[in-house]
Each structure stands twice: as structure tokens, then as C-alpha cells.
Amino acid sequence: MASQSTQTTYSAKPKDIVRAWHLIDAQDKVLGRISTQIAMILKGKTKAMYTPSMDTGDFVVVINADKVKLTGTKEENKVFYSHTMFPGGLRTVNMATLRAKHPEDIILNAVRRMLPRSALGRAMFKKLKVYAGPTHPHAAQKPVALEIKGA
């Protein structure tokens, strides 16, 4: 008879989750590379206690969102679509216009689309704070500066 294994799969408990604060400077970083790293931190995949069914991620503060770098011709050619649900209500905005009006939305849109489309993903997304300039109001949380690899 084969011996039974006593190994069990670890599942994080809400009391075990400790959330850290990370500060990321987006100046001259490529949008896609910085967004994937942010999404991994928000999901908690950078921690050993990662559990897919729980929000184990940390908080992320992004500064200088208006200076994020785009490759190729995305600044002029990438278009975002929305619809008012009325006839003829298709609204389009390109990346250059979005950067001029709401520069933080560039990073918010990229990261939101990398997270799960569920209540869990919405909870993860709430931990992302993006600011266009170099200042942020989260100094009391003492965010640790994080250097993004390969960006």
C-alpha cells in the first residue's frame, strides 16, 4: 500500500495579510512594462503567500504619470472607445488627448485591463493611486520606493 502524503496547499487567511506601500516613479518608463509590474504587485504575485482567490496584494502609488513613455506611434494612433448607449453615441479619444486632459488615466486604463474582471479585481484596483505630478498625499503611509526592472 502506498504511503499517504501529508502535504497541503497553503491558503492565505485574512489575518495573515500584511499590506505594504510601494512608490513607483513612472518618468521615462515604458507604459506596458510598468503596468505589468504594478498589476503583479496589486494581485500579490510578488509575495510567497499568494492565493489566487484572495486579495493579498500591496498598495501602489505612482507619480509622474504624465511623463510615462509610449513606444511606436501609440501617442497618435492608439484610440480608446466608449459609448453613451444612445444612437450615434460612440466617443473616441486618442492617447495624446488623454495625456493632455487626464494623464493618470493612461496608467489606470492599462493596469485595470490586466486585473481580473470581478469583485476581486475591483478590490485590487482600489489599492492603486496614480498622480500626474511628482507629489502625492500618502507620505504618512511611508511608501517604499520601488525600481521597476527592465523599464
N, C-alpha and C. Protein backbone atom coordinates (compact mmCIF):
# COMPACT_ATOMS: atom_id res chain seq x y z
N MET A 1 0.84 -1.17 0.00
CA MET A 1 0.00 0.00 0.00
C MET A 1 0.89 1.24 0.00
N ALA A 2 0.52 2.24 -0.82
CA ALA A 2 1.33 3.46 -0.94
C ALA A 2 1.13 4.34 0.29
N SER A 3 2.20 5.01 0.68
CA SER A 3 2.09 5.90 1.84
C SER A 3 1.38 7.19 1.44
N GLN A 4 0.60 7.71 2.35
CA GLN A 4 -0.14 8.94 2.07
C GLN A 4 0.72 10.15 2.37
N SER A 5 0.59 11.16 1.53
CA SER A 5 1.35 12.39 1.71
C SER A 5 0.62 13.32 2.67
N THR A 6 1.36 14.04 3.46
CA THR A 6 0.76 14.98 4.40
C THR A 6 0.89 16.42 3.91
N GLN A 7 1.28 16.59 2.67
CA GLN A 7 1.43 17.95 2.15
C GLN A 7 0.06 18.56 1.89
N THR A 8 -0.06 19.84 2.21
CA THR A 8 -1.31 20.56 1.94
C THR A 8 -0.98 21.85 1.20
N THR A 9 -1.95 22.34 0.48
CA THR A 9 -1.79 23.60 -0.24
C THR A 9 -2.04 24.75 0.72
N TYR A 10 -1.14 25.72 0.72
CA TYR A 10 -1.30 26.87 1.59
C TYR A 10 -2.37 27.79 1.05
N SER A 11 -3.21 28.28 1.91
CA SER A 11 -4.22 29.26 1.55
C SER A 11 -4.13 30.40 2.54
N ALA A 12 -3.94 31.62 2.06
CA ALA A 12 -3.77 32.78 2.93
C ALA A 12 -5.06 33.06 3.70
N LYS A 13 -4.90 33.48 4.92
CA LYS A 13 -6.03 33.88 5.77
C LYS A 13 -6.05 35.40 5.83
N PRO A 14 -7.22 36.01 5.96
CA PRO A 14 -7.28 37.49 6.02
C PRO A 14 -6.42 38.09 7.12
N LYS A 15 -6.29 37.39 8.26
CA LYS A 15 -5.47 37.93 9.36
C LYS A 15 -3.98 37.87 9.06
N ASP A 16 -3.57 37.02 8.11
CA ASP A 16 -2.15 36.88 7.77
C ASP A 16 -1.66 37.93 6.79
N ILE A 17 -2.58 38.62 6.12
CA ILE A 17 -2.21 39.54 5.06
C ILE A 17 -1.69 40.85 5.65
N VAL A 18 -0.48 41.20 5.27
CA VAL A 18 0.14 42.48 5.67
C VAL A 18 0.37 43.27 4.40
N ARG A 19 -0.21 44.44 4.32
CA ARG A 19 -0.12 45.25 3.10
C ARG A 19 0.97 46.31 3.25
N ALA A 20 1.87 46.33 2.30
CA ALA A 20 2.93 47.34 2.25
C ALA A 20 2.53 48.41 1.24
N TRP A 21 3.22 49.52 1.26
CA TRP A 21 3.00 50.61 0.30
C TRP A 21 4.25 50.75 -0.54
N HIS A 22 4.07 50.80 -1.86
CA HIS A 22 5.19 50.94 -2.79
C HIS A 22 5.02 52.24 -3.57
N LEU A 23 6.12 52.92 -3.82
CA LEU A 23 6.13 54.16 -4.61
C LEU A 23 6.88 53.90 -5.90
N ILE A 24 6.23 54.18 -7.03
CA ILE A 24 6.84 53.96 -8.34
C ILE A 24 6.86 55.28 -9.09
N ASP A 25 8.02 55.66 -9.59
CA ASP A 25 8.17 56.86 -10.41
C ASP A 25 8.08 56.43 -11.88
N ALA A 26 7.05 56.89 -12.58
CA ALA A 26 6.79 56.47 -13.97
C ALA A 26 7.55 57.30 -15.00
N GLN A 27 8.34 58.23 -14.56
CA GLN A 27 9.04 59.10 -15.51
C GLN A 27 9.98 58.29 -16.39
N ASP A 28 9.81 58.42 -17.72
CA ASP A 28 10.62 57.75 -18.74
C ASP A 28 10.59 56.22 -18.65
N LYS A 29 9.52 55.65 -18.09
CA LYS A 29 9.33 54.21 -18.07
C LYS A 29 8.32 53.84 -19.15
N VAL A 30 8.48 52.69 -19.79
CA VAL A 30 7.57 52.23 -20.83
C VAL A 30 6.26 51.78 -20.18
N LEU A 31 5.14 52.23 -20.74
CA LEU A 31 3.82 52.01 -20.14
C LEU A 31 3.52 50.53 -19.90
N GLY A 32 3.70 49.69 -20.88
CA GLY A 32 3.36 48.29 -20.74
C GLY A 32 4.19 47.57 -19.70
N ARG A 33 5.47 47.88 -19.64
CA ARG A 33 6.36 47.21 -18.69
C ARG A 33 6.07 47.62 -17.26
N ILE A 34 5.79 48.90 -17.07
CA ILE A 34 5.49 49.37 -15.71
C ILE A 34 4.11 48.87 -15.28
N SER A 35 3.16 48.77 -16.22
CA SER A 35 1.81 48.33 -15.89
C SER A 35 1.78 46.87 -15.46
N THR A 36 2.55 46.02 -16.11
CA THR A 36 2.56 44.61 -15.73
C THR A 36 3.14 44.42 -14.33
N GLN A 37 4.16 45.18 -14.00
CA GLN A 37 4.75 45.09 -12.67
C GLN A 37 3.76 45.57 -11.61
N ILE A 38 3.05 46.67 -11.90
CA ILE A 38 2.06 47.20 -10.97
C ILE A 38 0.94 46.18 -10.75
N ALA A 39 0.47 45.56 -11.84
CA ALA A 39 -0.60 44.58 -11.74
C ALA A 39 -0.16 43.38 -10.88
N MET A 40 1.07 42.94 -11.04
CA MET A 40 1.57 41.82 -10.24
C MET A 40 1.62 42.16 -8.75
N ILE A 41 2.02 43.39 -8.43
CA ILE A 41 2.07 43.82 -7.03
C ILE A 41 0.65 43.90 -6.46
N LEU A 42 -0.29 44.46 -7.23
CA LEU A 42 -1.67 44.59 -6.76
C LEU A 42 -2.31 43.22 -6.53
N LYS A 43 -1.99 42.23 -7.38
CA LYS A 43 -2.54 40.88 -7.23
C LYS A 43 -1.91 40.14 -6.05
N GLY A 44 -0.67 40.51 -5.70
CA GLY A 44 0.04 39.83 -4.62
C GLY A 44 0.95 38.74 -5.13
N LYS A 45 1.19 38.69 -6.43
CA LYS A 45 2.02 37.63 -7.01
C LYS A 45 3.50 37.77 -6.65
N THR A 46 3.90 38.89 -6.09
CA THR A 46 5.29 39.08 -5.69
C THR A 46 5.54 38.56 -4.27
N LYS A 47 4.49 38.05 -3.62
CA LYS A 47 4.60 37.55 -2.25
C LYS A 47 4.57 36.02 -2.26
N ALA A 48 5.19 35.42 -1.26
CA ALA A 48 5.18 33.97 -1.14
C ALA A 48 3.80 33.45 -0.73
N MET A 49 2.98 34.28 -0.12
CA MET A 49 1.66 33.85 0.36
C MET A 49 0.56 34.06 -0.68
N TYR A 50 0.90 34.22 -1.94
CA TYR A 50 -0.08 34.47 -2.98
C TYR A 50 -1.14 33.37 -3.02
N THR A 51 -2.39 33.79 -3.00
CA THR A 51 -3.53 32.89 -3.13
C THR A 51 -4.44 33.47 -4.20
N PRO A 52 -4.72 32.75 -5.28
CA PRO A 52 -5.49 33.32 -6.39
C PRO A 52 -6.88 33.82 -6.01
N SER A 53 -7.50 33.19 -5.01
CA SER A 53 -8.87 33.56 -4.66
C SER A 53 -8.96 34.65 -3.62
N MET A 54 -7.81 35.22 -3.21
CA MET A 54 -7.82 36.27 -2.19
C MET A 54 -6.99 37.46 -2.66
N ASP A 55 -7.32 38.62 -2.14
CA ASP A 55 -6.58 39.83 -2.45
C ASP A 55 -5.44 39.95 -1.45
N THR A 56 -4.26 39.48 -1.83
CA THR A 56 -3.10 39.52 -0.94
C THR A 56 -2.12 40.61 -1.33
N GLY A 57 -2.48 41.45 -2.29
CA GLY A 57 -1.56 42.45 -2.84
C GLY A 57 -1.33 43.65 -1.96
N ASP A 58 -0.38 44.47 -2.38
CA ASP A 58 0.02 45.68 -1.67
C ASP A 58 -0.56 46.91 -2.35
N PHE A 59 -0.41 48.05 -1.67
CA PHE A 59 -0.81 49.33 -2.24
C PHE A 59 0.31 49.85 -3.14
N VAL A 60 -0.05 50.53 -4.21
CA VAL A 60 0.94 51.10 -5.13
C VAL A 60 0.59 52.56 -5.39
N VAL A 61 1.57 53.44 -5.20
CA VAL A 61 1.44 54.86 -5.51
C VAL A 61 2.34 55.15 -6.70
N VAL A 62 1.77 55.69 -7.77
CA VAL A 62 2.53 56.00 -8.97
C VAL A 62 2.57 57.52 -9.13
N ILE A 63 3.77 58.06 -9.29
CA ILE A 63 3.92 59.50 -9.51
C ILE A 63 4.49 59.74 -10.91
N ASN A 64 4.39 60.96 -11.37
CA ASN A 64 4.86 61.39 -12.70
C ASN A 64 4.20 60.58 -13.82
N ALA A 65 2.91 60.34 -13.70
CA ALA A 65 2.18 59.58 -14.72
C ALA A 65 2.14 60.33 -16.05
N ASP A 66 2.26 61.64 -16.02
CA ASP A 66 2.23 62.41 -17.26
C ASP A 66 3.51 62.26 -18.08
N LYS A 67 4.55 61.67 -17.49
CA LYS A 67 5.83 61.52 -18.19
C LYS A 67 6.12 60.07 -18.59
N VAL A 68 5.09 59.21 -18.55
CA VAL A 68 5.28 57.81 -18.94
C VAL A 68 5.56 57.74 -20.44
N LYS A 69 6.40 56.77 -20.84
CA LYS A 69 6.84 56.69 -22.23
C LYS A 69 5.99 55.67 -22.98
N LEU A 70 5.65 56.01 -24.21
CA LEU A 70 4.92 55.10 -25.10
C LEU A 70 5.82 54.78 -26.28
N THR A 71 5.79 53.53 -26.73
CA THR A 71 6.63 53.13 -27.85
C THR A 71 5.86 53.23 -29.16
N GLY A 72 6.59 53.31 -30.23
CA GLY A 72 5.98 53.34 -31.56
C GLY A 72 5.13 54.59 -31.77
N THR A 73 4.00 54.42 -32.45
CA THR A 73 3.11 55.55 -32.77
C THR A 73 1.85 55.53 -31.92
N LYS A 74 1.94 54.94 -30.71
CA LYS A 74 0.76 54.85 -29.85
C LYS A 74 0.23 56.22 -29.44
N GLU A 75 1.11 57.20 -29.28
CA GLU A 75 0.67 58.54 -28.86
C GLU A 75 -0.38 59.10 -29.82
N GLU A 76 -0.20 58.90 -31.12
CA GLU A 76 -1.13 59.45 -32.10
C GLU A 76 -2.19 58.43 -32.54
N ASN A 77 -1.83 57.15 -32.63
CA ASN A 77 -2.71 56.17 -33.26
C ASN A 77 -3.56 55.34 -32.30
N LYS A 78 -3.19 55.20 -31.03
CA LYS A 78 -3.99 54.38 -30.11
C LYS A 78 -5.24 55.16 -29.72
N VAL A 79 -6.39 54.50 -29.88
CA VAL A 79 -7.67 55.16 -29.64
C VAL A 79 -8.46 54.37 -28.60
N PHE A 80 -9.06 55.08 -27.66
CA PHE A 80 -9.94 54.48 -26.66
C PHE A 80 -11.38 54.79 -27.04
N TYR A 81 -12.25 53.77 -26.94
CA TYR A 81 -13.64 53.92 -27.33
C TYR A 81 -14.55 53.81 -26.11
N SER A 82 -15.62 54.61 -26.12
CA SER A 82 -16.69 54.46 -25.14
C SER A 82 -17.99 54.82 -25.85
N HIS A 83 -19.09 54.37 -25.28
CA HIS A 83 -20.38 54.61 -25.92
C HIS A 83 -21.38 55.08 -24.88
N THR A 84 -22.19 56.08 -25.23
CA THR A 84 -23.18 56.63 -24.32
C THR A 84 -24.44 55.80 -24.26
N MET A 85 -24.55 54.79 -25.13
CA MET A 85 -25.72 53.92 -25.27
C MET A 85 -26.91 54.64 -25.90
N PHE A 86 -26.68 55.79 -26.47
CA PHE A 86 -27.67 56.48 -27.28
C PHE A 86 -27.25 56.34 -28.74
N PRO A 87 -28.19 56.43 -29.67
CA PRO A 87 -27.82 56.33 -31.09
C PRO A 87 -26.78 57.39 -31.47
N GLY A 88 -25.71 56.96 -32.13
CA GLY A 88 -24.64 57.88 -32.52
C GLY A 88 -23.77 58.31 -31.36
N GLY A 89 -23.78 57.55 -30.26
CA GLY A 89 -23.09 57.96 -29.05
C GLY A 89 -21.68 57.41 -28.90
N LEU A 90 -21.05 56.98 -30.00
CA LEU A 90 -19.68 56.48 -29.91
C LEU A 90 -18.72 57.65 -29.66
N ARG A 91 -17.93 57.53 -28.60
CA ARG A 91 -16.96 58.57 -28.27
C ARG A 91 -15.57 57.98 -28.40
N THR A 92 -14.67 58.70 -29.05
CA THR A 92 -13.30 58.25 -29.21
C THR A 92 -12.35 59.31 -28.68
N VAL A 93 -11.27 58.86 -28.11
CA VAL A 93 -10.22 59.77 -27.65
C VAL A 93 -8.89 59.07 -27.88
N ASN A 94 -7.93 59.80 -28.47
CA ASN A 94 -6.63 59.18 -28.69
C ASN A 94 -5.72 59.45 -27.49
N MET A 95 -4.58 58.78 -27.47
CA MET A 95 -3.69 58.83 -26.33
C MET A 95 -3.15 60.24 -26.07
N ALA A 96 -2.88 61.01 -27.12
CA ALA A 96 -2.35 62.36 -26.95
C ALA A 96 -3.37 63.25 -26.23
N THR A 97 -4.64 63.13 -26.60
CA THR A 97 -5.68 63.92 -25.95
C THR A 97 -5.86 63.48 -24.50
N LEU A 98 -5.82 62.17 -24.27
CA LEU A 98 -5.96 61.64 -22.92
C LEU A 98 -4.81 62.11 -22.04
N ARG A 99 -3.60 62.13 -22.59
CA ARG A 99 -2.44 62.61 -21.82
C ARG A 99 -2.57 64.09 -21.46
N ALA A 100 -3.13 64.87 -22.37
CA ALA A 100 -3.29 66.31 -22.11
C ALA A 100 -4.35 66.58 -21.04
N LYS A 101 -5.45 65.84 -21.08
CA LYS A 101 -6.57 66.11 -20.17
C LYS A 101 -6.47 65.35 -18.85
N HIS A 102 -6.20 64.04 -18.92
CA HIS A 102 -6.17 63.19 -17.73
C HIS A 102 -4.99 62.23 -17.81
N PRO A 103 -3.76 62.69 -17.54
CA PRO A 103 -2.59 61.83 -17.73
C PRO A 103 -2.58 60.60 -16.82
N GLU A 104 -3.21 60.66 -15.67
CA GLU A 104 -3.22 59.49 -14.79
C GLU A 104 -4.08 58.36 -15.35
N ASP A 105 -5.04 58.69 -16.22
CA ASP A 105 -5.91 57.66 -16.81
C ASP A 105 -5.15 56.71 -17.74
N ILE A 106 -4.01 57.12 -18.25
CA ILE A 106 -3.22 56.25 -19.13
C ILE A 106 -2.79 55.01 -18.35
N ILE A 107 -2.23 55.22 -17.16
CA ILE A 107 -1.77 54.10 -16.34
C ILE A 107 -2.96 53.35 -15.74
N LEU A 108 -3.99 54.08 -15.32
CA LEU A 108 -5.17 53.43 -14.74
C LEU A 108 -5.82 52.47 -15.74
N ASN A 109 -5.98 52.90 -17.00
CA ASN A 109 -6.58 52.05 -18.02
C ASN A 109 -5.74 50.81 -18.29
N ALA A 110 -4.42 50.99 -18.38
CA ALA A 110 -3.54 49.86 -18.68
C ALA A 110 -3.57 48.82 -17.56
N VAL A 111 -3.52 49.26 -16.32
CA VAL A 111 -3.48 48.33 -15.20
C VAL A 111 -4.85 47.68 -14.98
N ARG A 112 -5.93 48.44 -15.10
CA ARG A 112 -7.27 47.89 -14.87
C ARG A 112 -7.54 46.72 -15.81
N ARG A 113 -7.06 46.82 -17.04
CA ARG A 113 -7.32 45.78 -18.03
C ARG A 113 -6.44 44.55 -17.81
N MET A 114 -5.47 44.61 -16.92
CA MET A 114 -4.63 43.46 -16.60
C MET A 114 -5.11 42.72 -15.36
N LEU A 115 -6.08 43.28 -14.66
CA LEU A 115 -6.60 42.67 -13.44
C LEU A 115 -7.84 41.84 -13.76
N PRO A 116 -8.22 40.93 -12.88
CA PRO A 116 -9.42 40.13 -13.11
C PRO A 116 -10.68 41.01 -13.22
N ARG A 117 -11.62 40.55 -14.08
CA ARG A 117 -12.87 41.29 -14.25
C ARG A 117 -13.89 40.71 -13.28
N SER A 118 -13.74 41.03 -12.00
CA SER A 118 -14.62 40.51 -10.96
C SER A 118 -14.56 41.44 -9.75
N ALA A 119 -15.29 41.08 -8.72
CA ALA A 119 -15.26 41.86 -7.49
C ALA A 119 -13.85 41.84 -6.89
N LEU A 120 -13.15 40.73 -7.05
CA LEU A 120 -11.78 40.63 -6.55
C LEU A 120 -10.86 41.60 -7.29
N GLY A 121 -11.01 41.70 -8.61
CA GLY A 121 -10.22 42.63 -9.40
C GLY A 121 -10.51 44.07 -9.05
N ARG A 122 -11.77 44.38 -8.77
CA ARG A 122 -12.13 45.75 -8.37
C ARG A 122 -11.52 46.10 -7.02
N ALA A 123 -11.46 45.14 -6.11
CA ALA A 123 -10.83 45.37 -4.81
C ALA A 123 -9.32 45.59 -4.98
N MET A 124 -8.70 44.85 -5.89
CA MET A 124 -7.27 45.04 -6.15
C MET A 124 -7.02 46.42 -6.74
N PHE A 125 -7.89 46.84 -7.66
CA PHE A 125 -7.71 48.11 -8.37
C PHE A 125 -7.81 49.30 -7.42
N LYS A 126 -8.58 49.18 -6.35
CA LYS A 126 -8.74 50.28 -5.39
C LYS A 126 -7.45 50.59 -4.65
N LYS A 127 -6.49 49.66 -4.67
CA LYS A 127 -5.22 49.89 -3.98
C LYS A 127 -4.20 50.63 -4.84
N LEU A 128 -4.59 51.02 -6.05
CA LEU A 128 -3.70 51.76 -6.95
C LEU A 128 -4.02 53.24 -6.87
N LYS A 129 -3.00 54.05 -6.60
CA LYS A 129 -3.13 55.51 -6.51
C LYS A 129 -2.17 56.11 -7.54
N VAL A 130 -2.70 56.88 -8.50
CA VAL A 130 -1.88 57.43 -9.58
C VAL A 130 -1.98 58.95 -9.56
N TYR A 131 -0.84 59.62 -9.70
CA TYR A 131 -0.78 61.08 -9.68
C TYR A 131 0.06 61.57 -10.86
N ALA A 132 -0.41 62.64 -11.49
CA ALA A 132 0.25 63.17 -12.69
C ALA A 132 1.60 63.79 -12.36
N GLY A 133 1.71 64.44 -11.24
CA GLY A 133 2.93 65.14 -10.89
C GLY A 133 3.80 64.36 -9.92
N PRO A 134 4.86 65.00 -9.41
CA PRO A 134 5.80 64.31 -8.52
C PRO A 134 5.36 64.24 -7.05
N THR A 135 4.24 64.89 -6.69
CA THR A 135 3.80 64.89 -5.30
C THR A 135 2.61 63.96 -5.12
N HIS A 136 2.47 63.46 -3.89
CA HIS A 136 1.33 62.60 -3.56
C HIS A 136 0.99 62.80 -2.08
N PRO A 137 -0.27 62.54 -1.68
CA PRO A 137 -0.69 62.77 -0.29
C PRO A 137 -0.53 61.54 0.62
N HIS A 138 0.31 60.58 0.24
CA HIS A 138 0.42 59.35 1.01
C HIS A 138 1.75 59.24 1.77
N ALA A 139 2.31 60.36 2.17
CA ALA A 139 3.58 60.36 2.89
C ALA A 139 3.44 59.69 4.25
N ALA A 140 2.25 59.78 4.87
CA ALA A 140 2.04 59.18 6.19
C ALA A 140 2.15 57.66 6.15
N GLN A 141 1.87 57.05 5.01
CA GLN A 141 1.96 55.59 4.89
C GLN A 141 3.38 55.11 4.65
N LYS A 142 4.31 56.04 4.46
CA LYS A 142 5.72 55.74 4.23
C LYS A 142 5.92 54.73 3.10
N PRO A 143 5.51 55.09 1.86
CA PRO A 143 5.71 54.15 0.75
C PRO A 143 7.20 53.98 0.44
N VAL A 144 7.58 52.74 0.15
CA VAL A 144 8.97 52.41 -0.17
C VAL A 144 9.16 52.54 -1.67
N ALA A 145 10.19 53.31 -2.07
CA ALA A 145 10.46 53.50 -3.49
C ALA A 145 10.85 52.16 -4.11
N LEU A 146 10.26 51.88 -5.27
CA LEU A 146 10.46 50.60 -5.94
C LEU A 146 10.96 50.88 -7.35
N GLU A 147 12.06 50.28 -7.72
CA GLU A 147 12.60 50.43 -9.06
C GLU A 147 12.08 49.31 -9.93
N ILE A 148 11.46 49.66 -11.05
CA ILE A 148 10.89 48.67 -11.96
C ILE A 148 12.00 48.10 -12.83
N LYS A 149 12.09 46.79 -12.89
CA LYS A 149 13.11 46.11 -13.68
C LYS A 149 12.74 46.12 -15.15
N GLY A 150 13.71 46.37 -16.02
CA GLY A 150 13.50 46.28 -17.45
C GLY A 150 12.66 47.37 -18.05
N ALA A 151 12.42 48.44 -17.32
CA ALA A 151 11.59 49.52 -17.87
C ALA A 151 12.44 50.70 -18.22
